[in-house]
Amino acid sequence: DSVDNQILELLNKRANLVLDVGKLKQAE
């Protein structure tokens, strides 16, 4: 359960980075 919580936290961290990439792609 503890590992799953870490995975969930990292997935959301990754998702936020993807959203940042998406904004840059859209701008360019």
PDB file of all heavy atoms in Angstrom:
ATOM      1  N   ASP A   1       0.834  -1.208   0.000  1.00  0.00           N
ATOM      2  CA  ASP A   1       0.000   0.000   0.000  1.00  0.00           C
ATOM      3  C   ASP A   1       0.866   1.255   0.000  1.00  0.00           C
ATOM      4  O   ASP A   1       0.562   2.244  -0.676  1.00  0.00           O
ATOM      5  CB  ASP A   1      -0.928   0.006   1.217  1.00  0.00           C
ATOM      6  CG  ASP A   1      -2.050  -1.020   1.113  1.00  0.00           C
ATOM      7  OD1 ASP A   1      -2.273  -1.536  -0.004  1.00  0.00           O
ATOM      8  OD2 ASP A   1      -2.687  -1.321   2.136  1.00  0.00           O
ATOM      9  N   SER A   2       1.948   1.206   0.767  1.00  0.00           N
ATOM     10  CA  SER A   2       2.849   2.351   0.830  1.00  0.00           C
ATOM     11  C   SER A   2       3.504   2.607  -0.529  1.00  0.00           C
ATOM     12  O   SER A   2       3.599   3.757  -0.983  1.00  0.00           O
ATOM     13  CB  SER A   2       3.924   2.106   1.892  1.00  0.00           C
ATOM     14  OG  SER A   2       4.863   3.159   1.906  1.00  0.00           O
ATOM     15  N   VAL A   3       3.938   1.517  -1.190  1.00  0.00           N
ATOM     16  CA  VAL A   3       4.528   1.643  -2.527  1.00  0.00           C
ATOM     17  C   VAL A   3       3.501   2.190  -3.516  1.00  0.00           C
ATOM     18  O   VAL A   3       3.805   3.049  -4.346  1.00  0.00           O
ATOM     19  CB  VAL A   3       5.090   0.290  -3.011  1.00  0.00           C
ATOM     20  CG1 VAL A   3       5.503   0.368  -4.471  1.00  0.00           C
ATOM     21  CG2 VAL A   3       6.272  -0.136  -2.150  1.00  0.00           C
ATOM     22  N   ASP A   4       2.247   1.691  -3.443  1.00  0.00           N
ATOM     23  CA  ASP A   4       1.187   2.175  -4.333  1.00  0.00           C
ATOM     24  C   ASP A   4       0.967   3.671  -4.158  1.00  0.00           C
ATOM     25  O   ASP A   4       0.739   4.402  -5.141  1.00  0.00           O
ATOM     26  CB  ASP A   4      -0.117   1.419  -4.068  1.00  0.00           C
ATOM     27  CG  ASP A   4      -0.112   0.012  -4.644  1.00  0.00           C
ATOM     28  OD1 ASP A   4       0.713  -0.247  -5.543  1.00  0.00           O
ATOM     29  OD2 ASP A   4      -0.923  -0.821  -4.205  1.00  0.00           O
ATOM     30  N   ASN A   5       1.025   4.137  -2.919  1.00  0.00           N
ATOM     31  CA  ASN A   5       0.850   5.574  -2.667  1.00  0.00           C
ATOM     32  C   ASN A   5       1.982   6.372  -3.302  1.00  0.00           C
ATOM     33  O   ASN A   5       1.771   7.463  -3.845  1.00  0.00           O
ATOM     34  CB  ASN A   5       0.796   5.846  -1.159  1.00  0.00           C
ATOM     35  CG  ASN A   5      -0.509   5.374  -0.535  1.00  0.00           C
ATOM     36  OD1 ASN A   5      -1.510   5.209  -1.223  1.00  0.00           O
ATOM     37  ND2 ASN A   5      -0.498   5.140   0.764  1.00  0.00           N
ATOM     38  N   GLN A   6       3.200   5.820  -3.231  1.00  0.00           N
ATOM     39  CA  GLN A   6       4.344   6.487  -3.865  1.00  0.00           C
ATOM     40  C   GLN A   6       4.175   6.523  -5.386  1.00  0.00           C
ATOM     41  O   GLN A   6       4.478   7.538  -6.027  1.00  0.00           O
ATOM     42  CB  GLN A   6       5.634   5.758  -3.499  1.00  0.00           C
ATOM     43  CG  GLN A   6       6.014   5.850  -2.020  1.00  0.00           C
ATOM     44  CD  GLN A   6       7.223   4.983  -1.700  1.00  0.00           C
ATOM     45  OE1 GLN A   6       8.255   5.097  -2.338  1.00  0.00           O
ATOM     46  NE2 GLN A   6       7.080   4.102  -0.715  1.00  0.00           N
ATOM     47  N   ILE A   7       3.718   5.399  -5.957  1.00  0.00           N
ATOM     48  CA  ILE A   7       3.477   5.347  -7.406  1.00  0.00           C
ATOM     49  C   ILE A   7       2.435   6.387  -7.806  1.00  0.00           C
ATOM     50  O   ILE A   7       2.603   7.103  -8.808  1.00  0.00           O
ATOM     51  CB  ILE A   7       3.037   3.934  -7.829  1.00  0.00           C
ATOM     52  CG1 ILE A   7       4.190   2.932  -7.665  1.00  0.00           C
ATOM     53  CG2 ILE A   7       2.541   3.930  -9.282  1.00  0.00           C
ATOM     54  CD1 ILE A   7       3.782   1.489  -7.864  1.00  0.00           C
ATOM     55  N   LEU A   8       1.360   6.476  -7.027  1.00  0.00           N
ATOM     56  CA  LEU A   8       0.297   7.444  -7.315  1.00  0.00           C
ATOM     57  C   LEU A   8       0.834   8.870  -7.276  1.00  0.00           C
ATOM     58  O   LEU A   8       0.544   9.689  -8.166  1.00  0.00           O
ATOM     59  CB  LEU A   8      -0.839   7.275  -6.306  1.00  0.00           C
ATOM     60  CG  LEU A   8      -2.029   8.225  -6.455  1.00  0.00           C
ATOM     61  CD1 LEU A   8      -2.698   8.045  -7.809  1.00  0.00           C
ATOM     62  CD2 LEU A   8      -3.026   7.993  -5.323  1.00  0.00           C
ATOM     63  N   GLU A   9       1.643   9.163  -6.265  1.00  0.00           N
ATOM     64  CA  GLU A   9       2.224  10.506  -6.140  1.00  0.00           C
ATOM     65  C   GLU A   9       3.120  10.815  -7.340  1.00  0.00           C
ATOM     66  O   GLU A   9       3.074  11.917  -7.916  1.00  0.00           O
ATOM     67  CB  GLU A   9       3.024  10.601  -4.841  1.00  0.00           C
ATOM     68  CG  GLU A   9       3.604  11.988  -4.587  1.00  0.00           C
ATOM     69  CD  GLU A   9       4.364  12.074  -3.268  1.00  0.00           C
ATOM     70  OE1 GLU A   9       4.260  11.138  -2.448  1.00  0.00           O
ATOM     71  OE2 GLU A   9       5.076  13.077  -3.065  1.00  0.00           O
ATOM     72  N   LEU A  10       3.918   9.832  -7.760  1.00  0.00           N
ATOM     73  CA  LEU A  10       4.827  10.033  -8.891  1.00  0.00           C
ATOM     74  C   LEU A  10       4.064  10.147 -10.214  1.00  0.00           C
ATOM     75  O   LEU A  10       4.478  10.904 -11.102  1.00  0.00           O
ATOM     76  CB  LEU A  10       5.836   8.885  -8.955  1.00  0.00           C
ATOM     77  CG  LEU A  10       6.891   8.874  -7.834  1.00  0.00           C
ATOM     78  CD1 LEU A  10       7.705   7.590  -7.874  1.00  0.00           C
ATOM     79  CD2 LEU A  10       7.804  10.092  -7.936  1.00  0.00           C
ATOM     80  N   LEU A  11       2.967   9.399 -10.352  1.00  0.00           N
ATOM     81  CA  LEU A  11       2.155   9.517 -11.569  1.00  0.00           C
ATOM     82  C   LEU A  11       1.593  10.930 -11.709  1.00  0.00           C
ATOM     83  O   LEU A  11       1.572  11.500 -12.809  1.00  0.00           O
ATOM     84  CB  LEU A  11       1.015   8.492 -11.548  1.00  0.00           C
ATOM     85  CG  LEU A  11       1.386   7.043 -11.870  1.00  0.00           C
ATOM     86  CD1 LEU A  11       0.187   6.125 -11.641  1.00  0.00           C
ATOM     87  CD2 LEU A  11       1.871   6.912 -13.314  1.00  0.00           C
ATOM     88  N   ASN A  12       1.135  11.482 -10.618  1.00  0.00           N
ATOM     89  CA  ASN A  12       0.593  12.849 -10.664  1.00  0.00           C
ATOM     90  C   ASN A  12       1.695  13.876 -10.891  1.00  0.00           C
ATOM     91  O   ASN A  12       1.492  14.883 -11.582  1.00  0.00           O
ATOM     92  CB  ASN A  12      -0.174  13.151  -9.383  1.00  0.00           C
ATOM     93  CG  ASN A  12      -1.561  12.518  -9.385  1.00  0.00           C
ATOM     94  OD1 ASN A  12      -2.331  12.705 -10.321  1.00  0.00           O
ATOM     95  ND2 ASN A  12      -1.865  11.741  -8.374  1.00  0.00           N
ATOM     96  N   LYS A  13       2.889  13.607 -10.340  1.00  0.00           N
ATOM     97  CA  LYS A  13       4.035  14.490 -10.592  1.00  0.00           C
ATOM     98  C   LYS A  13       4.387  14.444 -12.076  1.00  0.00           C
ATOM     99  O   LYS A  13       4.643  15.481 -12.698  1.00  0.00           O
ATOM    100  CB  LYS A  13       5.221  14.040  -9.734  1.00  0.00           C
ATOM    101  CG  LYS A  13       6.435  14.948  -9.855  1.00  0.00           C
ATOM    102  CD  LYS A  13       7.558  14.502  -8.913  1.00  0.00           C
ATOM    103  CE  LYS A  13       8.765  15.423  -9.026  1.00  0.00           C
ATOM    104  NZ  LYS A  13       9.868  14.991  -8.114  1.00  0.00           N
ATOM    105  N   ARG A  14       4.382  13.228 -12.652  1.00  0.00           N
ATOM    106  CA  ARG A  14       4.660  13.070 -14.079  1.00  0.00           C
ATOM    107  C   ARG A  14       3.601  13.790 -14.917  1.00  0.00           C
ATOM    108  O   ARG A  14       3.913  14.442 -15.919  1.00  0.00           O
ATOM    109  CB  ARG A  14       4.693  11.584 -14.444  1.00  0.00           C
ATOM    110  CG  ARG A  14       5.149  11.294 -15.860  1.00  0.00           C
ATOM    111  CD  ARG A  14       5.010   9.813 -16.194  1.00  0.00           C
ATOM    112  NE  ARG A  14       5.717   9.471 -17.424  1.00  0.00           N
ATOM    113  CZ  ARG A  14       5.275   9.694 -18.648  1.00  0.00           C
ATOM    114  NH1 ARG A  14       4.093  10.280 -18.813  1.00  0.00           N
ATOM    115  NH2 ARG A  14       5.989   9.348 -19.699  1.00  0.00           N
ATOM    116  N   ALA A  15       2.328  13.679 -14.488  1.00  0.00           N
ATOM    117  CA  ALA A  15       1.227  14.305 -15.230  1.00  0.00           C
ATOM    118  C   ALA A  15       1.383  15.825 -15.263  1.00  0.00           C
ATOM    119  O   ALA A  15       1.115  16.469 -16.288  1.00  0.00           O
ATOM    120  CB  ALA A  15      -0.109  13.918 -14.609  1.00  0.00           C
ATOM    121  N   ASN A  16       1.821  16.411 -14.166  1.00  0.00           N
ATOM    122  CA  ASN A  16       2.025  17.862 -14.132  1.00  0.00           C
ATOM    123  C   ASN A  16       3.150  18.281 -15.084  1.00  0.00           C
ATOM    124  O   ASN A  16       3.068  19.326 -15.745  1.00  0.00           O
ATOM    125  CB  ASN A  16       2.338  18.317 -12.701  1.00  0.00           C
ATOM    126  CG  ASN A  16       1.081  18.409 -11.837  1.00  0.00           C
ATOM    127  OD1 ASN A  16       0.039  18.866 -12.310  1.00  0.00           O
ATOM    128  ND2 ASN A  16       1.167  17.969 -10.602  1.00  0.00           N
ATOM    129  N   LEU A  17       4.215  17.470 -15.153  1.00  0.00           N
ATOM    130  CA  LEU A  17       5.297  17.755 -16.088  1.00  0.00           C
ATOM    131  C   LEU A  17       4.811  17.662 -17.540  1.00  0.00           C
ATOM    132  O   LEU A  17       5.189  18.472 -18.387  1.00  0.00           O
ATOM    133  CB  LEU A  17       6.458  16.784 -15.858  1.00  0.00           C
ATOM    134  CG  LEU A  17       7.215  16.947 -14.532  1.00  0.00           C
ATOM    135  CD1 LEU A  17       8.171  15.779 -14.313  1.00  0.00           C
ATOM    136  CD2 LEU A  17       7.981  18.269 -14.501  1.00  0.00           C
ATOM    137  N   VAL A  18       3.958  16.660 -17.806  1.00  0.00           N
ATOM    138  CA  VAL A  18       3.386  16.496 -19.147  1.00  0.00           C
ATOM    139  C   VAL A  18       2.543  17.718 -19.516  1.00  0.00           C
ATOM    140  O   VAL A  18       2.590  18.193 -20.658  1.00  0.00           O
ATOM    141  CB  VAL A  18       2.545  15.205 -19.214  1.00  0.00           C
ATOM    142  CG1 VAL A  18       1.681  15.182 -20.471  1.00  0.00           C
ATOM    143  CG2 VAL A  18       3.454  13.981 -19.183  1.00  0.00           C
ATOM    144  N   LEU A  19       1.772  18.233 -18.562  1.00  0.00           N
ATOM    145  CA  LEU A  19       0.958  19.421 -18.826  1.00  0.00           C
ATOM    146  C   LEU A  19       1.844  20.616 -19.165  1.00  0.00           C
ATOM    147  O   LEU A  19       1.503  21.429 -20.046  1.00  0.00           O
ATOM    148  CB  LEU A  19       0.082  19.734 -17.610  1.00  0.00           C
ATOM    149  CG  LEU A  19      -1.101  18.773 -17.392  1.00  0.00           C
ATOM    150  CD1 LEU A  19      -1.770  19.052 -16.057  1.00  0.00           C
ATOM    151  CD2 LEU A  19      -2.122  18.905 -18.521  1.00  0.00           C
ATOM    152  N   ASP A  20       2.998  20.736 -18.497  1.00  0.00           N
ATOM    153  CA  ASP A  20       3.936  21.814 -18.807  1.00  0.00           C
ATOM    154  C   ASP A  20       4.489  21.661 -20.230  1.00  0.00           C
ATOM    155  O   ASP A  20       4.610  22.647 -20.967  1.00  0.00           O
ATOM    156  CB  ASP A  20       5.090  21.811 -17.798  1.00  0.00           C
ATOM    157  CG  ASP A  20       4.642  22.242 -16.398  1.00  0.00           C
ATOM    158  OD1 ASP A  20       3.578  22.897 -16.295  1.00  0.00           O
ATOM    159  OD2 ASP A  20       5.352  21.928 -15.430  1.00  0.00           O
ATOM    160  N   VAL A  21       4.821  20.418 -20.591  1.00  0.00           N
ATOM    161  CA  VAL A  21       5.300  20.144 -21.950  1.00  0.00           C
ATOM    162  C   VAL A  21       4.219  20.505 -22.971  1.00  0.00           C
ATOM    163  O   VAL A  21       4.498  21.103 -24.010  1.00  0.00           O
ATOM    164  CB  VAL A  21       5.716  18.659 -22.099  1.00  0.00           C
ATOM    165  CG1 VAL A  21       5.968  18.326 -23.569  1.00  0.00           C
ATOM    166  CG2 VAL A  21       6.954  18.365 -21.279  1.00  0.00           C
ATOM    167  N   GLY A  22       2.965  20.149 -22.649  1.00  0.00           N
ATOM    168  CA  GLY A  22       1.847  20.431 -23.540  1.00  0.00           C
ATOM    169  C   GLY A  22       1.677  21.921 -23.811  1.00  0.00           C
ATOM    170  O   GLY A  22       1.402  22.336 -24.949  1.00  0.00           O
ATOM    171  N   LYS A  23       1.869  22.731 -22.777  1.00  0.00           N
ATOM    172  CA  LYS A  23       1.743  24.185 -22.938  1.00  0.00           C
ATOM    173  C   LYS A  23       2.827  24.722 -23.877  1.00  0.00           C
ATOM    174  O   LYS A  23       2.574  25.592 -24.717  1.00  0.00           O
ATOM    175  CB  LYS A  23       1.833  24.865 -21.571  1.00  0.00           C
ATOM    176  CG  LYS A  23       0.635  24.613 -20.674  1.00  0.00           C
ATOM    177  CD  LYS A  23       0.863  25.183 -19.277  1.00  0.00           C
ATOM    178  CE  LYS A  23      -0.306  24.832 -18.348  1.00  0.00           C
ATOM    179  NZ  LYS A  23      -0.046  25.268 -16.954  1.00  0.00           N
ATOM    180  N   LEU A  24       4.042  24.178 -23.712  1.00  0.00           N
ATOM    181  CA  LEU A  24       5.143  24.608 -24.579  1.00  0.00           C
ATOM    182  C   LEU A  24       4.908  24.165 -26.020  1.00  0.00           C
ATOM    183  O   LEU A  24       5.175  24.921 -26.965  1.00  0.00           O
ATOM    184  CB  LEU A  24       6.471  24.036 -24.060  1.00  0.00           C
ATOM    185  CG  LEU A  24       6.953  24.604 -22.718  1.00  0.00           C
ATOM    186  CD1 LEU A  24       8.182  23.843 -22.228  1.00  0.00           C
ATOM    187  CD2 LEU A  24       7.281  26.092 -22.847  1.00  0.00           C
ATOM    188  N   LYS A  25       4.407  22.942 -26.205  1.00  0.00           N
ATOM    189  CA  LYS A  25       4.100  22.454 -27.554  1.00  0.00           C
ATOM    190  C   LYS A  25       3.048  23.334 -28.217  1.00  0.00           C
ATOM    191  O   LYS A  25       3.144  23.673 -29.401  1.00  0.00           O
ATOM    192  CB  LYS A  25       3.592  21.008 -27.490  1.00  0.00           C
ATOM    193  CG  LYS A  25       4.661  19.959 -27.237  1.00  0.00           C
ATOM    194  CD  LYS A  25       4.017  18.577 -27.207  1.00  0.00           C
ATOM    195  CE  LYS A  25       5.016  17.477 -26.955  1.00  0.00           C
ATOM    196  NZ  LYS A  25       4.352  16.150 -26.855  1.00  0.00           N
ATOM    197  N   GLN A  26       2.035  23.690 -27.433  1.00  0.00           N
ATOM    198  CA  GLN A  26       0.947  24.505 -27.987  1.00  0.00           C
ATOM    199  C   GLN A  26       1.462  25.879 -28.386  1.00  0.00           C
ATOM    200  O   GLN A  26       1.099  26.416 -29.445  1.00  0.00           O
ATOM    201  CB  GLN A  26      -0.168  24.629 -26.962  1.00  0.00           C
ATOM    202  CG  GLN A  26      -1.463  25.194 -27.520  1.00  0.00           C
ATOM    203  CD  GLN A  26      -2.626  25.031 -26.547  1.00  0.00           C
ATOM    204  OE1 GLN A  26      -2.421  24.870 -25.343  1.00  0.00           O
ATOM    205  NE2 GLN A  26      -3.837  25.067 -27.052  1.00  0.00           N
ATOM    206  N   ALA A  27       2.325  26.440 -27.565  1.00  0.00           N
ATOM    207  CA  ALA A  27       2.866  27.769 -27.856  1.00  0.00           C
ATOM    208  C   ALA A  27       3.724  27.763 -29.113  1.00  0.00           C
ATOM    209  O   ALA A  27       3.757  28.744 -29.864  1.00  0.00           O
ATOM    210  CB  ALA A  27       3.685  28.267 -26.667  1.00  0.00           C
ATOM    211  N   GLU A  28       4.415  26.638 -29.371  1.00  0.00           N
ATOM    212  CA  GLU A  28       5.307  26.534 -30.527  1.00  0.00           C
ATOM    213  C   GLU A  28       4.659  25.812 -31.707  1.00  0.00           C
ATOM    214  O   GLU A  28       5.315  25.574 -32.720  1.00  0.00           O
ATOM    215  CB  GLU A  28       6.587  25.797 -30.124  1.00  0.00           C
ATOM    216  CG  GLU A  28       7.400  26.495 -29.049  1.00  0.00           C
ATOM    217  CD  GLU A  28       8.003  27.801 -29.528  1.00  0.00           C
ATOM    218  OE1 GLU A  28       8.300  27.906 -30.736  1.00  0.00           O
ATOM    219  OE2 GLU A  28       8.170  28.718 -28.701  1.00  0.00           O
TER     220      GLU A  28
END
